[in-house]
């Protein structure tokens, strides 16, 4: 409250050029404060999204297999089925 009174007294004792300069400083200060607030909120949002993306990557790596692993497993299954088929064929012949 005292600061506002002092500011008003200061403004009464100044000419128009100084008044315009003070007003311009006030406008720039308010615009800067608003800009900093929005930049900070966007930065925290980007950090949150980065954390969520990393968690998603970990879950995908945990839940799904790579193509190479799947190919190896399918090859092993085919080999076992081929051996089983050969055993069944040998039992049918013998």
C-alpha atoms as a PDB file:
ATOM      1  CA  UNK A   1       0.000   0.000   0.000  1.00  0.00           C
ATOM      2  CA  UNK A   2       2.826   2.393   0.910  1.00  0.00           C
ATOM      3  CA  UNK A   3       4.608   1.534  -2.323  1.00  0.00           C
ATOM      4  CA  UNK A   4       1.553   2.482  -4.363  1.00  0.00           C
ATOM      5  CA  UNK A   5       1.318   5.837  -2.584  1.00  0.00           C
ATOM      6  CA  UNK A   6       5.006   6.502  -3.179  1.00  0.00           C
ATOM      7  CA  UNK A   7       4.628   5.519  -6.836  1.00  0.00           C
ATOM      8  CA  UNK A   8       1.679   7.890  -7.237  1.00  0.00           C
ATOM      9  CA  UNK A   9       3.655  10.762  -5.640  1.00  0.00           C
ATOM     10  CA  UNK A  10       6.566  10.008  -7.939  1.00  0.00           C
ATOM     11  CA  UNK A  11       4.280  10.003 -10.979  1.00  0.00           C
ATOM     12  CA  UNK A  12       2.750  13.375 -10.035  1.00  0.00           C
ATOM     13  CA  UNK A  13       6.168  15.024  -9.941  1.00  0.00           C
ATOM     14  CA  UNK A  14       7.310  13.776 -13.368  1.00  0.00           C
ATOM     15  CA  UNK A  15       6.883  15.122 -16.866  1.00  0.00           C
ATOM     16  CA  UNK A  16       5.186  13.287 -19.743  1.00  0.00           C
ATOM     17  CA  UNK A  17       8.383  11.776 -21.185  1.00  0.00           C
ATOM     18  CA  UNK A  18       9.294  10.231 -17.855  1.00  0.00           C
ATOM     19  CA  UNK A  19       5.703   9.075 -17.384  1.00  0.00           C
ATOM     20  CA  UNK A  20       5.765   7.300 -20.755  1.00  0.00           C
ATOM     21  CA  UNK A  21       9.087   5.707 -19.850  1.00  0.00           C
ATOM     22  CA  UNK A  22       7.733   4.455 -16.517  1.00  0.00           C
ATOM     23  CA  UNK A  23       4.601   3.074 -18.166  1.00  0.00           C
ATOM     24  CA  UNK A  24       6.684   1.366 -20.854  1.00  0.00           C
ATOM     25  CA  UNK A  25       8.871  -0.202 -18.140  1.00  0.00           C
ATOM     26  CA  UNK A  26       5.780  -1.442 -16.297  1.00  0.00           C
ATOM     27  CA  UNK A  27       4.313  -2.962 -19.470  1.00  0.00           C
ATOM     28  CA  UNK A  28       7.588  -4.674 -20.346  1.00  0.00           C
ATOM     29  CA  UNK A  29       7.981  -6.011 -16.817  1.00  0.00           C
ATOM     30  CA  UNK A  30       4.469  -7.473 -16.826  1.00  0.00           C
ATOM     31  CA  UNK A  31       4.981  -8.985 -20.301  1.00  0.00           C
ATOM     32  CA  UNK A  32       8.301 -10.483 -19.209  1.00  0.00           C
ATOM     33  CA  UNK A  33       6.763 -11.984 -16.085  1.00  0.00           C
ATOM     34  CA  UNK A  34       3.936 -13.545 -18.085  1.00  0.00           C
ATOM     35  CA  UNK A  35       6.408 -14.913 -20.645  1.00  0.00           C
ATOM     36  CA  UNK A  36       8.586 -16.447 -17.948  1.00  0.00           C
ATOM     37  CA  UNK A  37       5.523 -18.033 -16.321  1.00  0.00           C
ATOM     38  CA  UNK A  38       4.427 -19.653 -19.598  1.00  0.00           C
ATOM     39  CA  UNK A  39       7.956 -20.811 -20.435  1.00  0.00           C
ATOM     40  CA  UNK A  40       8.265 -22.443 -17.029  1.00  0.00           C
ATOM     41  CA  UNK A  41       4.926 -24.228 -17.373  1.00  0.00           C
ATOM     42  CA  UNK A  42       5.804 -25.465 -20.865  1.00  0.00           C
ATOM     43  CA  UNK A  43       9.203 -26.659 -19.666  1.00  0.00           C
ATOM     44  CA  UNK A  44       7.631 -28.699 -16.878  1.00  0.00           C
ATOM     45  CA  UNK A  45       5.127 -30.159 -19.355  1.00  0.00           C
ATOM     46  CA  UNK A  46       7.938 -31.186 -21.707  1.00  0.00           C
ATOM     47  CA  UNK A  47       9.806 -32.839 -18.830  1.00  0.00           C
ATOM     48  CA  UNK A  48       6.662 -34.756 -17.827  1.00  0.00           C
ATOM     49  CA  UNK A  49       6.118 -35.932 -21.401  1.00  0.00           C
ATOM     50  CA  UNK A  50       9.765 -37.005 -21.635  1.00  0.00           C
ATOM     51  CA  UNK A  51       9.361 -39.153 -18.522  1.00  0.00           C
ATOM     52  CA  UNK A  52       6.163 -40.709 -19.904  1.00  0.00           C
ATOM     53  CA  UNK A  53       7.872 -41.440 -23.222  1.00  0.00           C
ATOM     54  CA  UNK A  54      10.755 -43.180 -21.462  1.00  0.00           C
ATOM     55  CA  UNK A  55       8.325 -45.299 -19.431  1.00  0.00           C
ATOM     56  CA  UNK A  56       6.462 -46.251 -22.602  1.00  0.00           C
ATOM     57  CA  UNK A  57       9.710 -47.303 -24.278  1.00  0.00           C
ATOM     58  CA  UNK A  58      10.557 -49.488 -21.283  1.00  0.00           C
ATOM     59  CA  UNK A  59       7.107 -51.112 -21.324  1.00  0.00           C
ATOM     60  CA  UNK A  60       7.269 -51.788 -25.052  1.00  0.00           C
ATOM     61  CA  UNK A  61      10.708 -53.363 -24.704  1.00  0.00           C
ATOM     62  CA  UNK A  62       9.450 -55.502 -21.822  1.00  0.00           C
ATOM     63  CA  UNK A  63       6.162 -56.635 -23.391  1.00  0.00           C
ATOM     64  CA  UNK A  64       7.152 -57.266 -27.002  1.00  0.00           C
ATOM     65  CA  UNK A  65       9.890 -59.299 -28.684  1.00  0.00           C
ATOM     66  CA  UNK A  66      12.231 -58.188 -31.413  1.00  0.00           C
ATOM     67  CA  UNK A  67      12.059 -59.628 -34.928  1.00  0.00           C
ATOM     68  CA  UNK A  68      15.355 -61.448 -34.470  1.00  0.00           C
ATOM     69  CA  UNK A  69      14.207 -63.157 -31.278  1.00  0.00           C
ATOM     70  CA  UNK A  70      10.909 -64.157 -32.854  1.00  0.00           C
ATOM     71  CA  UNK A  71      12.667 -65.546 -35.935  1.00  0.00           C
ATOM     72  CA  UNK A  72      15.031 -67.608 -33.786  1.00  0.00           C
ATOM     73  CA  UNK A  73      12.165 -69.012 -31.704  1.00  0.00           C
ATOM     74  CA  UNK A  74      10.084 -69.902 -34.762  1.00  0.00           C
ATOM     75  CA  UNK A  75      13.106 -71.587 -36.358  1.00  0.00           C
ATOM     76  CA  UNK A  76      13.608 -73.664 -33.216  1.00  0.00           C
ATOM     77  CA  UNK A  77       9.918 -74.665 -33.251  1.00  0.00           C
ATOM     78  CA  UNK A  78      10.113 -75.675 -36.918  1.00  0.00           C
ATOM     79  CA  UNK A  79      13.220 -77.755 -36.216  1.00  0.00           C
ATOM     80  CA  UNK A  80      11.465 -79.562 -33.371  1.00  0.00           C
ATOM     81  CA  UNK A  81       8.400 -80.227 -35.490  1.00  0.00           C
ATOM     82  CA  UNK A  82      10.633 -81.559 -38.258  1.00  0.00           C
ATOM     83  CA  UNK A  83      12.318 -83.928 -35.791  1.00  0.00           C
ATOM     84  CA  UNK A  84       8.933 -85.017 -34.446  1.00  0.00           C
ATOM     85  CA  UNK A  85       7.686 -85.598 -37.969  1.00  0.00           C
ATOM     86  CA  UNK A  86      10.768 -87.699 -38.751  1.00  0.00           C
ATOM     87  CA  UNK A  87      10.241 -89.752 -35.594  1.00  0.00           C
ATOM     88  CA  UNK A  88       6.602 -90.339 -36.467  1.00  0.00           C
ATOM     89  CA  UNK A  89       7.611 -91.336 -40.012  1.00  0.00           C
ATOM     90  CA  UNK A  90      10.227 -93.775 -38.669  1.00  0.00           C
ATOM     91  CA  UNK A  91       7.645 -95.300 -36.307  1.00  0.00           C
ATOM     92  CA  UNK A  92       5.170 -95.690 -39.178  1.00  0.00           C
ATOM     93  CA  UNK A  93       7.806 -97.443 -41.337  1.00  0.00           C
ATOM     94  CA  UNK A  94       9.204 -99.623 -38.630  1.00  0.00           C
END
